[in-house]
Amino acid sequence: MSRIIAITNQKGGVGKTTTCVNLAASLAATRRRVLLVDLDPQGNATMGSGVDKYELELSGYHLLLEETPVEDILVDAQVAGYHLLPANADLTAAEVQLMQRDDRETRLGSRLQPVVGNYDYILIDCPPSLNMLTLNALTAANAVFIPIQCEYYALEGLSALLETVEQVRAAVNPGLEIEGLLRTMFDARNNLANQVSEQLVQHFGDKVYRTIIPRNIRLAEAPSHGAPILHYDRASRGAIAYLALAAEMVRRRQQAEQPPQPVADAGYAGQTP
């Protein structure tokens, strides 16, 4: 069964797109079928997947505002190992035009429906703001994945995002869950980073992934080469961390989908008093 995950944080610079691209590639490396939906008008996930956003004939705009079949828009990001629904600056216009539609919050989910069953994971890279595109992602998703940098303003921004998730859950998507929180760009030598990390674990418990993404120069270089870190430098600390994250996600999902085990009878069956 497909799992649709919106990867979002309204605070920019937290490694959101880096996580989308590299998590998608790492899940694909575990032989999962993956679709990455780039819903950010900046198109960084598209470029980071080895697809030139400037040469696109079809993009997320045509999915949301026209009746172009989703199958015609998808791109095989061969370098990355997954399928991509690409984005470019046209999505900025889509955000404005969506406001005029009656189905403005549910458009993405309904338009993706024909291909949902083809994938194990659909990851949605949201814009770094809580706008109509992000709302579409939250409405379409089963769960929200939150990359977070362990710094001073992190918890404040997280509170605003969680309030939005609650509003979406109450209004249009009651099944929306928190998939998990990922600590990104982490430097263990930084005392503040360690303090914020501890606060996250205290607050959210096992919703915080055990895997931590370190600061890594190779991760920063990979997008300029149009490839996920797994294909740019597989031996780097960043690549190893994202592979570990993918394994942790898959393991969590398998555990969640396991049927409950019958409780053993604590009595003294077969014995007479």
Protein backbone atom coordinates (compact mmCIF):
# COMPACT_ATOMS: atom_id res chain seq x y z
CA MET A 1 0.00 0.00 0.00
CA SER A 2 1.37 3.38 -0.98
CA ARG A 3 2.48 5.83 1.70
CA ILE A 4 2.15 9.52 0.77
CA ILE A 5 4.44 11.73 2.84
CA ALA A 6 4.55 15.53 2.77
CA ILE A 7 8.03 16.74 3.68
CA THR A 8 7.64 20.24 4.99
CA ASN A 9 8.91 22.99 7.25
CA GLN A 10 7.93 26.61 6.70
CA LYS A 11 11.37 27.67 7.88
CA GLY A 12 13.80 27.68 4.98
CA GLY A 13 17.33 26.33 5.07
CA VAL A 14 16.61 23.26 7.19
CA GLY A 15 17.57 20.67 4.57
CA LYS A 16 14.03 19.98 3.36
CA THR A 17 14.80 19.53 -0.34
CA THR A 18 18.09 17.80 0.41
CA THR A 19 16.12 15.33 2.50
CA CYS A 20 13.45 14.82 -0.20
CA VAL A 21 15.97 14.00 -2.92
CA ASN A 22 18.29 11.85 -0.84
CA LEU A 23 15.58 10.00 1.05
CA ALA A 24 13.85 9.22 -2.27
CA ALA A 25 17.09 7.87 -3.73
CA SER A 26 17.86 5.86 -0.59
CA LEU A 27 14.38 4.33 -0.52
CA ALA A 28 14.76 3.47 -4.20
CA ALA A 29 18.07 1.80 -3.35
CA THR A 30 16.15 -0.52 -1.01
CA ARG A 31 14.09 -1.59 -4.06
CA ARG A 32 11.06 0.45 -3.07
CA ARG A 33 9.07 2.10 -5.85
CA VAL A 34 9.34 5.83 -5.25
CA LEU A 35 7.71 8.94 -6.72
CA LEU A 36 9.08 12.35 -5.75
CA VAL A 37 6.62 15.20 -6.26
CA ASP A 38 8.34 18.59 -6.49
CA LEU A 39 5.75 21.10 -5.30
CA ASP A 40 8.20 23.96 -4.76
CA PRO A 41 8.25 26.62 -7.54
CA GLN A 42 12.02 26.91 -7.03
CA GLY A 43 12.34 23.48 -8.62
CA ASN A 44 15.40 22.55 -6.57
CA ALA A 45 14.30 18.94 -6.10
CA THR A 46 13.85 18.70 -9.86
CA MET A 47 17.38 19.96 -10.53
CA GLY A 48 18.81 17.81 -7.74
CA SER A 49 17.25 14.78 -9.41
CA GLY A 50 19.18 15.43 -12.62
CA VAL A 51 16.26 17.02 -14.52
CA ASP A 52 16.63 20.51 -16.02
CA LYS A 53 13.68 22.60 -14.86
CA TYR A 54 14.30 25.11 -17.66
CA GLU A 55 13.65 22.53 -20.36
CA LEU A 56 10.38 21.15 -19.00
CA GLU A 57 7.40 21.06 -21.30
CA LEU A 58 5.07 19.78 -18.57
CA SER A 59 5.24 20.33 -14.84
CA GLY A 60 3.19 20.35 -11.67
CA TYR A 61 1.36 23.39 -13.03
CA HIS A 62 -0.22 21.26 -15.75
CA LEU A 63 -1.23 18.67 -13.15
CA LEU A 64 -2.94 21.17 -10.88
CA LEU A 65 -4.51 23.61 -13.35
CA GLU A 66 -5.03 21.61 -16.54
CA GLU A 67 -6.36 18.17 -17.31
CA THR A 68 -3.02 16.75 -18.46
CA PRO A 69 -2.85 13.10 -17.29
CA VAL A 70 -0.35 12.64 -14.50
CA GLU A 71 1.29 9.80 -16.43
CA ASP A 72 2.24 12.27 -19.18
CA ILE A 73 4.00 14.59 -16.72
CA LEU A 74 6.08 12.07 -14.79
CA VAL A 75 9.79 11.87 -15.59
CA ASP A 76 12.05 8.89 -15.04
CA ALA A 77 14.93 10.38 -13.02
CA GLN A 78 17.28 7.59 -14.04
CA VAL A 79 20.32 9.01 -12.25
CA ALA A 80 18.37 9.13 -9.00
CA GLY A 81 16.48 5.84 -9.37
CA TYR A 82 12.94 7.12 -8.91
CA HIS A 83 10.12 8.81 -10.81
CA LEU A 84 9.70 12.56 -10.56
CA LEU A 85 6.80 14.95 -10.96
CA PRO A 86 8.89 18.01 -11.84
CA ALA A 87 8.42 21.67 -10.99
CA ASN A 88 9.51 25.07 -12.20
CA ALA A 89 8.50 28.70 -11.69
CA ASP A 90 5.11 28.05 -13.32
CA LEU A 91 3.95 26.70 -9.96
CA THR A 92 3.95 30.25 -8.61
CA ALA A 93 1.06 31.02 -10.95
CA ALA A 94 -0.62 27.76 -9.98
CA GLU A 95 -0.72 28.83 -6.36
CA VAL A 96 -2.65 31.98 -7.26
CA GLN A 97 -5.00 30.27 -9.72
CA LEU A 98 -5.83 27.47 -7.30
CA MET A 99 -7.52 30.02 -5.05
CA GLN A 100 -10.26 30.40 -7.66
CA ARG A 101 -11.15 26.68 -7.70
CA ASP A 102 -13.76 25.00 -5.54
CA ASP A 103 -11.46 21.98 -5.11
CA ARG A 104 -8.41 24.10 -4.31
CA GLU A 105 -7.33 22.11 -1.23
CA THR A 106 -7.87 18.65 -2.72
CA ARG A 107 -6.64 19.14 -6.28
CA LEU A 108 -3.25 17.48 -5.84
CA GLY A 109 -4.63 14.38 -4.13
CA SER A 110 -7.31 13.79 -6.73
CA ARG A 111 -4.93 14.31 -9.66
CA LEU A 112 -2.33 11.92 -8.24
CA GLN A 113 -4.89 9.19 -7.58
CA PRO A 114 -4.43 7.30 -10.90
CA VAL A 115 -0.79 6.47 -10.09
CA VAL A 116 -0.82 6.15 -6.31
CA GLY A 117 -0.97 2.36 -6.45
CA ASN A 118 2.19 2.20 -8.58
CA TYR A 119 4.46 3.30 -5.72
CA ASP A 120 5.46 2.23 -2.25
CA TYR A 121 6.36 5.79 -1.26
CA ILE A 122 5.28 9.14 -2.67
CA LEU A 123 7.34 11.99 -1.20
CA ILE A 124 6.14 15.58 -1.66
CA ASP A 125 8.67 18.40 -1.45
CA CYS A 126 6.65 21.37 -0.15
CA PRO A 127 7.49 25.07 -0.48
CA PRO A 128 9.13 26.68 2.56
CA SER A 129 5.86 28.38 3.53
CA LEU A 130 2.36 27.41 4.62
CA ASN A 131 0.59 28.33 1.38
CA MET A 132 -2.00 26.75 -0.91
CA LEU A 133 0.54 24.35 -2.42
CA THR A 134 1.59 23.13 1.03
CA LEU A 135 -2.08 22.79 2.01
CA ASN A 136 -2.63 20.59 -1.05
CA ALA A 137 0.28 18.40 0.01
CA LEU A 138 -1.02 18.07 3.57
CA THR A 139 -4.48 17.21 2.28
CA ALA A 140 -3.15 14.55 -0.09
CA ALA A 141 -0.72 12.99 2.40
CA ASN A 142 -1.03 10.16 4.88
CA ALA A 143 1.68 11.71 7.03
CA VAL A 144 3.94 14.72 7.58
CA PHE A 145 7.72 14.41 7.72
CA ILE A 146 9.48 17.36 9.36
CA PRO A 147 13.18 18.09 8.84
CA ILE A 148 14.40 20.37 11.59
CA GLN A 149 17.68 22.07 12.31
CA CYS A 150 18.62 22.05 15.98
CA GLU A 151 18.90 25.78 16.53
CA TYR A 152 17.30 28.55 18.59
CA TYR A 153 14.20 29.26 16.47
CA ALA A 154 13.52 25.66 15.52
CA LEU A 155 10.93 24.88 18.20
CA GLU A 156 9.01 28.10 17.58
CA GLY A 157 8.61 27.32 13.87
CA LEU A 158 7.74 23.74 14.68
CA SER A 159 4.85 24.85 16.90
CA ALA A 160 3.32 26.85 14.04
CA LEU A 161 3.61 23.89 11.68
CA LEU A 162 2.00 21.50 14.15
CA GLU A 163 -0.90 23.92 14.60
CA THR A 164 -1.41 23.89 10.83
CA VAL A 165 -1.33 20.09 10.79
CA GLU A 166 -4.03 20.04 13.47
CA GLN A 167 -6.17 22.45 11.46
CA VAL A 168 -5.82 20.34 8.31
CA ARG A 169 -6.62 17.21 10.29
CA ALA A 170 -9.76 18.79 11.71
CA ALA A 171 -10.95 20.32 8.42
CA VAL A 172 -10.09 18.03 5.51
CA ASN A 173 -7.74 15.14 6.38
CA PRO A 174 -8.56 13.44 9.69
CA GLY A 175 -6.12 10.60 9.01
CA LEU A 176 -3.07 12.85 8.73
CA GLU A 177 -0.25 11.63 10.99
CA ILE A 178 3.18 12.87 12.02
CA GLU A 179 5.56 10.52 10.22
CA GLY A 180 8.56 11.76 12.15
CA LEU A 181 11.02 14.54 12.89
CA LEU A 182 14.50 14.45 11.38
CA ARG A 183 17.42 16.35 12.87
CA THR A 184 19.42 17.80 9.97
CA MET A 185 22.74 19.61 9.49
CA PHE A 186 23.68 18.44 12.96
CA ASP A 187 27.01 19.34 14.55
CA ALA A 188 27.59 17.39 17.76
CA ARG A 189 30.27 19.89 18.83
CA ASN A 190 27.61 22.60 19.14
CA ASN A 191 26.16 22.77 22.67
CA LEU A 192 22.97 24.51 21.52
CA ALA A 193 22.35 21.84 18.89
CA ASN A 194 22.64 19.15 21.55
CA GLN A 195 20.27 20.99 23.88
CA VAL A 196 17.62 21.46 21.18
CA SER A 197 18.03 17.82 20.16
CA GLU A 198 17.35 16.73 23.75
CA GLN A 199 14.27 18.97 23.90
CA LEU A 200 12.90 17.42 20.70
CA VAL A 201 13.31 13.90 22.07
CA GLN A 202 11.70 14.89 25.39
CA HIS A 203 8.78 16.52 23.58
CA PHE A 204 8.14 14.03 20.77
CA GLY A 205 9.69 10.78 21.97
CA ASP A 206 9.90 8.08 19.33
CA LYS A 207 8.54 10.43 16.65
CA VAL A 208 12.11 11.75 16.46
CA TYR A 209 14.17 9.55 14.16
CA ARG A 210 17.19 7.95 15.72
CA THR A 211 19.08 8.72 12.51
CA ILE A 212 20.70 12.17 12.51
CA ILE A 213 21.88 13.90 9.32
CA PRO A 214 25.29 15.49 9.94
CA ARG A 215 26.71 18.62 8.40
CA ASN A 216 28.52 17.30 5.36
CA ILE A 217 30.18 19.22 2.53
CA ARG A 218 29.51 16.40 0.05
CA LEU A 219 25.77 16.74 0.70
CA ALA A 220 26.03 20.42 -0.16
CA GLU A 221 27.97 19.69 -3.36
CA ALA A 222 25.71 16.96 -4.76
CA PRO A 223 22.86 19.21 -6.07
CA SER A 224 25.27 21.13 -8.32
CA HIS A 225 26.05 17.82 -9.99
CA GLY A 226 22.38 16.98 -10.48
CA ALA A 227 22.55 13.81 -8.43
CA PRO A 228 21.57 12.54 -4.97
CA ILE A 229 24.45 12.04 -2.57
CA LEU A 230 24.12 8.27 -2.97
CA HIS A 231 25.24 8.60 -6.58
CA TYR A 232 27.66 11.48 -6.07
CA ASP A 233 29.65 10.08 -3.13
CA ARG A 234 28.24 6.85 -1.74
CA ALA A 235 30.96 6.61 0.90
CA SER A 236 30.29 10.05 2.39
CA ARG A 237 28.82 10.53 5.85
CA GLY A 238 25.76 12.13 4.27
CA ALA A 239 25.06 9.14 2.02
CA ILE A 240 25.47 6.69 4.90
CA ALA A 241 23.09 8.76 7.05
CA TYR A 242 20.33 8.89 4.42
CA LEU A 243 20.62 5.16 3.78
CA ALA A 244 20.23 4.62 7.52
CA LEU A 245 17.20 6.94 7.54
CA ALA A 246 15.55 4.98 4.71
CA ALA A 247 16.16 1.71 6.57
CA GLU A 248 14.68 3.20 9.75
CA MET A 249 11.59 4.42 7.86
CA VAL A 250 11.01 1.05 6.22
CA ARG A 251 11.47 -0.74 9.55
CA ARG A 252 9.00 1.57 11.31
CA ARG A 253 6.44 1.05 8.57
CA GLN A 254 6.78 -2.72 8.71
CA GLN A 255 6.32 -2.67 12.47
CA ALA A 256 3.26 -0.42 12.18
CA GLU A 257 1.66 -2.71 9.60
CA GLN A 258 2.20 -5.90 11.57
CA PRO A 259 -1.05 -7.34 12.96
CA PRO A 260 -1.28 -7.20 16.76
CA GLN A 261 -0.03 -10.33 18.48
CA PRO A 262 -2.58 -12.26 20.56
CA VAL A 263 -2.13 -11.73 24.28
CA ALA A 264 -1.17 -14.90 26.11
CA ASP A 265 -3.64 -16.10 28.74
CA ALA A 266 -2.24 -15.13 32.09
CA GLY A 267 -4.49 -17.58 33.94
CA TYR A 268 -3.81 -21.15 34.92
CA ALA A 269 -5.58 -22.96 32.11
CA GLY A 270 -5.73 -26.71 32.57
CA GLN A 271 -5.09 -26.56 36.30
CA THR A 272 -7.71 -27.22 38.93
CA PRO A 273 -7.81 -25.25 42.14
